[in-house]
Amino acid sequence: MEKNGPLISVIVPVYDVGKYLSKCLDSLLAQTWRNLEIIVVDDGSPDGSWDIMQDYAARRMWKLAKRIQKRT
């Protein structure tokens, strides 16, 4: 297991994929590479994806940021 290698960033775009999101995040968390940054971007998904992200953040002490964009 590498701890001091280069930082690998994985960006996960999220929109209406709530039924797949947990499996995706679990897969990323199961990776053996430890210098890993996981960025999950929810674009206002209406399917509960944000709630799943909040659950993972609470259990793993992740930081969350949410930008609400008003659509016209």
PDB file of N, CA and C in Angstrom:
ATOM      1  N   MET A   1       0.846  -1.178   0.000  1.00  0.00           N
ATOM      2  CA  MET A   1       0.000   0.000   0.000  1.00  0.00           C
ATOM      3  C   MET A   1       0.890   1.240   0.000  1.00  0.00           C
ATOM      4  N   GLU A   2       0.754   2.071  -0.987  1.00  0.00           N
ATOM      5  CA  GLU A   2       1.556   3.284  -1.153  1.00  0.00           C
ATOM      6  C   GLU A   2       0.921   4.440  -0.396  1.00  0.00           C
ATOM      7  N   LYS A   3       1.715   5.123   0.432  1.00  0.00           N
ATOM      8  CA  LYS A   3       1.197   6.278   1.171  1.00  0.00           C
ATOM      9  C   LYS A   3       1.855   7.579   0.740  1.00  0.00           C
ATOM     10  N   ASN A   4       3.046   7.507   0.187  1.00  0.00           N
ATOM     11  CA  ASN A   4       3.775   8.730  -0.116  1.00  0.00           C
ATOM     12  C   ASN A   4       3.914   8.984  -1.609  1.00  0.00           C
ATOM     13  N   GLY A   5       3.215   8.264  -2.412  1.00  0.00           N
ATOM     14  CA  GLY A   5       3.282   8.465  -3.850  1.00  0.00           C
ATOM     15  C   GLY A   5       2.493   9.694  -4.257  1.00  0.00           C
ATOM     16  N   PRO A   6       2.362   9.898  -5.543  1.00  0.00           N
ATOM     17  CA  PRO A   6       1.636  11.076  -6.021  1.00  0.00           C
ATOM     18  C   PRO A   6       0.160  11.021  -5.635  1.00  0.00           C
ATOM     19  N   LEU A   7      -0.414  12.193  -5.483  1.00  0.00           N
ATOM     20  CA  LEU A   7      -1.833  12.303  -5.189  1.00  0.00           C
ATOM     21  C   LEU A   7      -2.631  11.995  -6.447  1.00  0.00           C
ATOM     22  N   ILE A   8      -3.583  11.108  -6.310  1.00  0.00           N
ATOM     23  CA  ILE A   8      -4.491  10.772  -7.407  1.00  0.00           C
ATOM     24  C   ILE A   8      -5.847  11.385  -7.074  1.00  0.00           C
ATOM     25  N   SER A   9      -6.385  12.185  -7.979  1.00  0.00           N
ATOM     26  CA  SER A   9      -7.701  12.800  -7.792  1.00  0.00           C
ATOM     27  C   SER A   9      -8.704  12.103  -8.688  1.00  0.00           C
ATOM     28  N   VAL A  10      -9.829  11.711  -8.097  1.00  0.00           N
ATOM     29  CA  VAL A  10     -10.915  11.084  -8.841  1.00  0.00           C
ATOM     30  C   VAL A  10     -12.128  12.000  -8.704  1.00  0.00           C
ATOM     31  N   ILE A  11     -12.668  12.432  -9.826  1.00  0.00           N
ATOM     32  CA  ILE A  11     -13.832  13.307  -9.818  1.00  0.00           C
ATOM     33  C   ILE A  11     -15.041  12.485 -10.259  1.00  0.00           C
ATOM     34  N   VAL A  12     -16.074  12.485  -9.412  1.00  0.00           N
ATOM     35  CA  VAL A  12     -17.295  11.726  -9.686  1.00  0.00           C
ATOM     36  C   VAL A  12     -18.433  12.714  -9.915  1.00  0.00           C
ATOM     37  N   PRO A  13     -18.877  12.876 -11.155  1.00  0.00           N
ATOM     38  CA  PRO A  13     -20.030  13.745 -11.400  1.00  0.00           C
ATOM     39  C   PRO A  13     -21.314  13.006 -11.014  1.00  0.00           C
ATOM     40  N   VAL A  14     -22.208  13.709 -10.326  1.00  0.00           N
ATOM     41  CA  VAL A  14     -23.424  13.077  -9.807  1.00  0.00           C
ATOM     42  C   VAL A  14     -24.644  13.851 -10.291  1.00  0.00           C
ATOM     43  N   TYR A  15     -25.500  13.163 -11.015  1.00  0.00           N
ATOM     44  CA  TYR A  15     -26.817  13.696 -11.341  1.00  0.00           C
ATOM     45  C   TYR A  15     -27.735  12.520 -11.623  1.00  0.00           C
ATOM     46  N   ASP A  16     -28.708  12.339 -10.768  1.00  0.00           N
ATOM     47  CA  ASP A  16     -29.716  11.289 -10.923  1.00  0.00           C
ATOM     48  C   ASP A  16     -29.101   9.890 -10.971  1.00  0.00           C
ATOM     49  N   VAL A  17     -28.115   9.651 -10.120  1.00  0.00           N
ATOM     50  CA  VAL A  17     -27.463   8.329 -10.052  1.00  0.00           C
ATOM     51  C   VAL A  17     -27.485   7.770  -8.623  1.00  0.00           C
ATOM     52  N   GLY A  18     -28.476   8.186  -7.848  1.00  0.00           N
ATOM     53  CA  GLY A  18     -28.551   7.767  -6.456  1.00  0.00           C
ATOM     54  C   GLY A  18     -28.502   6.264  -6.257  1.00  0.00           C
ATOM     55  N   LYS A  19     -29.103   5.515  -7.166  1.00  0.00           N
ATOM     56  CA  LYS A  19     -29.131   4.064  -6.984  1.00  0.00           C
ATOM     57  C   LYS A  19     -27.764   3.419  -7.227  1.00  0.00           C
ATOM     58  N   TYR A  20     -26.818   4.137  -7.832  1.00  0.00           N
ATOM     59  CA  TYR A  20     -25.477   3.616  -8.092  1.00  0.00           C
ATOM     60  C   TYR A  20     -24.402   4.257  -7.219  1.00  0.00           C
ATOM     61  N   LEU A  21     -24.723   5.348  -6.562  1.00  0.00           N
ATOM     62  CA  LEU A  21     -23.698   6.156  -5.896  1.00  0.00           C
ATOM     63  C   LEU A  21     -22.993   5.418  -4.763  1.00  0.00           C
ATOM     64  N   SER A  22     -23.707   4.714  -3.933  1.00  0.00           N
ATOM     65  CA  SER A  22     -23.076   3.992  -2.824  1.00  0.00           C
ATOM     66  C   SER A  22     -22.073   2.964  -3.333  1.00  0.00           C
ATOM     67  N   LYS A  23     -22.448   2.225  -4.353  1.00  0.00           N
ATOM     68  CA  LYS A  23     -21.536   1.223  -4.923  1.00  0.00           C
ATOM     69  C   LYS A  23     -20.274   1.895  -5.483  1.00  0.00           C
ATOM     70  N   CYS A  24     -20.455   3.027  -6.131  1.00  0.00           N
ATOM     71  CA  CYS A  24     -19.322   3.776  -6.683  1.00  0.00           C
ATOM     72  C   CYS A  24     -18.380   4.236  -5.571  1.00  0.00           C
ATOM     73  N   LEU A  25     -18.951   4.865  -4.534  1.00  0.00           N
ATOM     74  CA  LEU A  25     -18.116   5.377  -3.446  1.00  0.00           C
ATOM     75  C   LEU A  25     -17.446   4.241  -2.677  1.00  0.00           C
ATOM     76  N   ASP A  26     -18.167   3.141  -2.448  1.00  0.00           N
ATOM     77  CA  ASP A  26     -17.562   1.985  -1.773  1.00  0.00           C
ATOM     78  C   ASP A  26     -16.389   1.437  -2.572  1.00  0.00           C
ATOM     79  N   SER A  27     -16.538   1.400  -3.887  1.00  0.00           N
ATOM     80  CA  SER A  27     -15.458   0.925  -4.749  1.00  0.00           C
ATOM     81  C   SER A  27     -14.232   1.826  -4.648  1.00  0.00           C
ATOM     82  N   LEU A  28     -14.453   3.129  -4.642  1.00  0.00           N
ATOM     83  CA  LEU A  28     -13.335   4.065  -4.511  1.00  0.00           C
ATOM     84  C   LEU A  28     -12.656   3.927  -3.149  1.00  0.00           C
ATOM     85  N   LEU A  29     -13.446   3.765  -2.107  1.00  0.00           N
ATOM     86  CA  LEU A  29     -12.880   3.629  -0.764  1.00  0.00           C
ATOM     87  C   LEU A  29     -12.130   2.315  -0.577  1.00  0.00           C
ATOM     88  N   ALA A  30     -12.413   1.318  -1.393  1.00  0.00           N
ATOM     89  CA  ALA A  30     -11.750   0.020  -1.284  1.00  0.00           C
ATOM     90  C   ALA A  30     -10.398  -0.017  -2.002  1.00  0.00           C
ATOM     91  N   GLN A  31     -10.038   1.049  -2.672  1.00  0.00           N
ATOM     92  CA  GLN A  31      -8.765   1.079  -3.394  1.00  0.00           C
ATOM     93  C   GLN A  31      -7.595   0.983  -2.421  1.00  0.00           C
ATOM     94  N   THR A  32      -6.533   0.352  -2.847  1.00  0.00           N
ATOM     95  CA  THR A  32      -5.354   0.213  -1.988  1.00  0.00           C
ATOM     96  C   THR A  32      -4.460   1.442  -2.021  1.00  0.00           C
ATOM     97  N   TRP A  33      -4.603   2.270  -3.033  1.00  0.00           N
ATOM     98  CA  TRP A  33      -3.812   3.507  -3.105  1.00  0.00           C
ATOM     99  C   TRP A  33      -4.367   4.482  -2.074  1.00  0.00           C
ATOM    100  N   ARG A  34      -3.567   4.899  -1.127  1.00  0.00           N
ATOM    101  CA  ARG A  34      -4.051   5.709  -0.018  1.00  0.00           C
ATOM    102  C   ARG A  34      -3.929   7.213  -0.239  1.00  0.00           C
ATOM    103  N   ASN A  35      -3.075   7.629  -1.141  1.00  0.00           N
ATOM    104  CA  ASN A  35      -2.939   9.058  -1.413  1.00  0.00           C
ATOM    105  C   ASN A  35      -3.952   9.424  -2.493  1.00  0.00           C
ATOM    106  N   LEU A  36      -5.219   9.331  -2.097  1.00  0.00           N
ATOM    107  CA  LEU A  36      -6.326   9.440  -3.023  1.00  0.00           C
ATOM    108  C   LEU A  36      -7.274  10.549  -2.572  1.00  0.00           C
ATOM    109  N   GLU A  37      -7.621  11.400  -3.507  1.00  0.00           N
ATOM    110  CA  GLU A  37      -8.582  12.470  -3.256  1.00  0.00           C
ATOM    111  C   GLU A  37      -9.827  12.167  -4.082  1.00  0.00           C
ATOM    112  N   ILE A  38     -10.971  12.091  -3.402  1.00  0.00           N
ATOM    113  CA  ILE A  38     -12.228  11.793  -4.078  1.00  0.00           C
ATOM    114  C   ILE A  38     -13.086  13.054  -4.054  1.00  0.00           C
ATOM    115  N   ILE A  39     -13.421  13.542  -5.224  1.00  0.00           N
ATOM    116  CA  ILE A  39     -14.240  14.743  -5.354  1.00  0.00           C
ATOM    117  C   ILE A  39     -15.560  14.322  -5.990  1.00  0.00           C
ATOM    118  N   VAL A  40     -16.647  14.496  -5.238  1.00  0.00           N
ATOM    119  CA  VAL A  40     -17.972  14.123  -5.730  1.00  0.00           C
ATOM    120  C   VAL A  40     -18.754  15.419  -5.956  1.00  0.00           C
ATOM    121  N   VAL A  41     -19.197  15.624  -7.173  1.00  0.00           N
ATOM    122  CA  VAL A  41     -19.868  16.864  -7.547  1.00  0.00           C
ATOM    123  C   VAL A  41     -21.331  16.557  -7.871  1.00  0.00           C
ATOM    124  N   ASP A  42     -22.220  17.059  -7.021  1.00  0.00           N
ATOM    125  CA  ASP A  42     -23.652  16.888  -7.233  1.00  0.00           C
ATOM    126  C   ASP A  42     -24.202  18.149  -7.889  1.00  0.00           C
ATOM    127  N   ASP A  43     -24.753  17.998  -9.062  1.00  0.00           N
ATOM    128  CA  ASP A  43     -25.278  19.138  -9.820  1.00  0.00           C
ATOM    129  C   ASP A  43     -26.778  19.297  -9.595  1.00  0.00           C
ATOM    130  N   GLY A  44     -27.180  19.296  -8.319  1.00  0.00           N
ATOM    131  CA  GLY A  44     -28.588  19.513  -8.002  1.00  0.00           C
ATOM    132  C   GLY A  44     -29.472  18.324  -8.311  1.00  0.00           C
ATOM    133  N   SER A  45     -28.940  17.139  -8.178  1.00  0.00           N
ATOM    134  CA  SER A  45     -29.689  15.935  -8.490  1.00  0.00           C
ATOM    135  C   SER A  45     -30.945  15.817  -7.628  1.00  0.00           C
ATOM    136  N   PRO A  46     -32.090  15.496  -8.241  1.00  0.00           N
ATOM    137  CA  PRO A  46     -33.357  15.423  -7.494  1.00  0.00           C
ATOM    138  C   PRO A  46     -33.633  14.058  -6.865  1.00  0.00           C
ATOM    139  N   ASP A  47     -32.695  13.120  -6.943  1.00  0.00           N
ATOM    140  CA  ASP A  47     -32.983  11.739  -6.564  1.00  0.00           C
ATOM    141  C   ASP A  47     -32.438  11.307  -5.199  1.00  0.00           C
ATOM    142  N   GLY A  48     -31.995  12.231  -4.376  1.00  0.00           N
ATOM    143  CA  GLY A  48     -31.471  11.861  -3.064  1.00  0.00           C
ATOM    144  C   GLY A  48     -29.971  11.620  -3.035  1.00  0.00           C
ATOM    145  N   SER A  49     -29.278  11.903  -4.112  1.00  0.00           N
ATOM    146  CA  SER A  49     -27.827  11.717  -4.142  1.00  0.00           C
ATOM    147  C   SER A  49     -27.135  12.549  -3.067  1.00  0.00           C
ATOM    148  N   TRP A  50     -27.630  13.767  -2.853  1.00  0.00           N
ATOM    149  CA  TRP A  50     -27.026  14.636  -1.830  1.00  0.00           C
ATOM    150  C   TRP A  50     -27.129  13.985  -0.454  1.00  0.00           C
ATOM    151  N   ASP A  51     -28.244  13.331  -0.148  1.00  0.00           N
ATOM    152  CA  ASP A  51     -28.403  12.653   1.139  1.00  0.00           C
ATOM    153  C   ASP A  51     -27.402  11.512   1.290  1.00  0.00           C
ATOM    154  N   ILE A  52     -27.169  10.779   0.223  1.00  0.00           N
ATOM    155  CA  ILE A  52     -26.177   9.702   0.254  1.00  0.00           C
ATOM    156  C   ILE A  52     -24.794  10.284   0.494  1.00  0.00           C
ATOM    157  N   MET A  53     -24.479  11.381  -0.169  1.00  0.00           N
ATOM    158  CA  MET A  53     -23.180  12.034   0.020  1.00  0.00           C
ATOM    159  C   MET A  53     -23.024  12.510   1.461  1.00  0.00           C
ATOM    160  N   GLN A  54     -24.083  13.052   2.046  1.00  0.00           N
ATOM    161  CA  GLN A  54     -24.028  13.503   3.437  1.00  0.00           C
ATOM    162  C   GLN A  54     -23.783  12.330   4.382  1.00  0.00           C
ATOM    163  N   ASP A  55     -24.403  11.204   4.100  1.00  0.00           N
ATOM    164  CA  ASP A  55     -24.206  10.017   4.931  1.00  0.00           C
ATOM    165  C   ASP A  55     -22.748   9.561   4.888  1.00  0.00           C
ATOM    166  N   TYR A  56     -22.167   9.497   3.712  1.00  0.00           N
ATOM    167  CA  TYR A  56     -20.761   9.105   3.588  1.00  0.00           C
ATOM    168  C   TYR A  56     -19.851  10.122   4.269  1.00  0.00           C
ATOM    169  N   ALA A  57     -20.169  11.380   4.129  1.00  0.00           N
ATOM    170  CA  ALA A  57     -19.352  12.434   4.746  1.00  0.00           C
ATOM    171  C   ALA A  57     -19.379  12.320   6.263  1.00  0.00           C
ATOM    172  N   ALA A  58     -20.546  12.055   6.822  1.00  0.00           N
ATOM    173  CA  ALA A  58     -20.674  11.947   8.281  1.00  0.00           C
ATOM    174  C   ALA A  58     -19.898  10.750   8.815  1.00  0.00           C
ATOM    175  N   ARG A  59     -19.925   9.652   8.106  1.00  0.00           N
ATOM    176  CA  ARG A  59     -19.250   8.432   8.571  1.00  0.00           C
ATOM    177  C   ARG A  59     -17.738   8.495   8.377  1.00  0.00           C
ATOM    178  N   ARG A  60     -17.289   9.283   7.416  1.00  0.00           N
ATOM    179  CA  ARG A  60     -15.860   9.293   7.087  1.00  0.00           C
ATOM    180  C   ARG A  60     -15.210  10.657   7.277  1.00  0.00           C
ATOM    181  N   MET A  61     -15.914  11.558   7.901  1.00  0.00           N
ATOM    182  CA  MET A  61     -15.422  12.906   8.179  1.00  0.00           C
ATOM    183  C   MET A  61     -14.941  13.612   6.911  1.00  0.00           C
ATOM    184  N   TRP A  62     -15.706  13.504   5.847  1.00  0.00           N
ATOM    185  CA  TRP A  62     -15.434  14.232   4.619  1.00  0.00           C
ATOM    186  C   TRP A  62     -16.018  15.620   4.726  1.00  0.00           C
ATOM    187  N   LYS A  63     -15.496  16.503   3.928  1.00  0.00           N
ATOM    188  CA  LYS A  63     -16.064  17.844   3.822  1.00  0.00           C
ATOM    189  C   LYS A  63     -17.018  17.871   2.637  1.00  0.00           C
ATOM    190  N   LEU A  64     -18.122  18.565   2.812  1.00  0.00           N
ATOM    191  CA  LEU A  64     -19.089  18.714   1.724  1.00  0.00           C
ATOM    192  C   LEU A  64     -19.282  20.184   1.397  1.00  0.00           C
ATOM    193  N   ALA A  65     -19.486  20.446   0.154  1.00  0.00           N
ATOM    194  CA  ALA A  65     -19.828  21.801  -0.277  1.00  0.00           C
ATOM    195  C   ALA A  65     -20.970  21.669  -1.259  1.00  0.00           C
ATOM    196  N   LYS A  66     -21.921  22.554  -1.145  1.00  0.00           N
ATOM    197  CA  LYS A  66     -23.069  22.497  -2.049  1.00  0.00           C
ATOM    198  C   LYS A  66     -23.317  23.875  -2.627  1.00  0.00           C
ATOM    199  N   ARG A  67     -23.465  23.929  -3.910  1.00  0.00           N
ATOM    200  CA  ARG A  67     -23.791  25.178  -4.579  1.00  0.00           C
ATOM    201  C   ARG A  67     -25.158  25.014  -5.206  1.00  0.00           C
ATOM    202  N   ILE A  68     -26.051  25.844  -4.796  1.00  0.00           N
ATOM    203  CA  ILE A  68     -27.390  25.799  -5.346  1.00  0.00           C
ATOM    204  C   ILE A  68     -27.484  26.871  -6.422  1.00  0.00           C
ATOM    205  N   GLN A  69     -27.741  26.442  -7.620  1.00  0.00           N
ATOM    206  CA  GLN A  69     -27.822  27.371  -8.745  1.00  0.00           C
ATOM    207  C   GLN A  69     -29.281  27.515  -9.134  1.00  0.00           C
ATOM    208  N   LYS A  70     -29.725  28.729  -9.164  1.00  0.00           N
ATOM    209  CA  LYS A  70     -31.094  29.000  -9.551  1.00  0.00           C
ATOM    210  C   LYS A  70     -31.214  28.911 -11.053  1.00  0.00           C
ATOM    211  N   ARG A  71     -32.105  28.043 -11.502  1.00  0.00           N
ATOM    212  CA  ARG A  71     -32.302  27.877 -12.946  1.00  0.00           C
ATOM    213  C   ARG A  71     -33.426  28.773 -13.418  1.00  0.00           C
ATOM    214  N   THR A  72     -33.220  29.371 -14.554  1.00  0.00           N
ATOM    215  CA  THR A  72     -34.250  30.261 -15.107  1.00  0.00           C
ATOM    216  C   THR A  72     -34.885  29.674 -16.335  1.00  0.00           C
TER     217      THR A  72
END
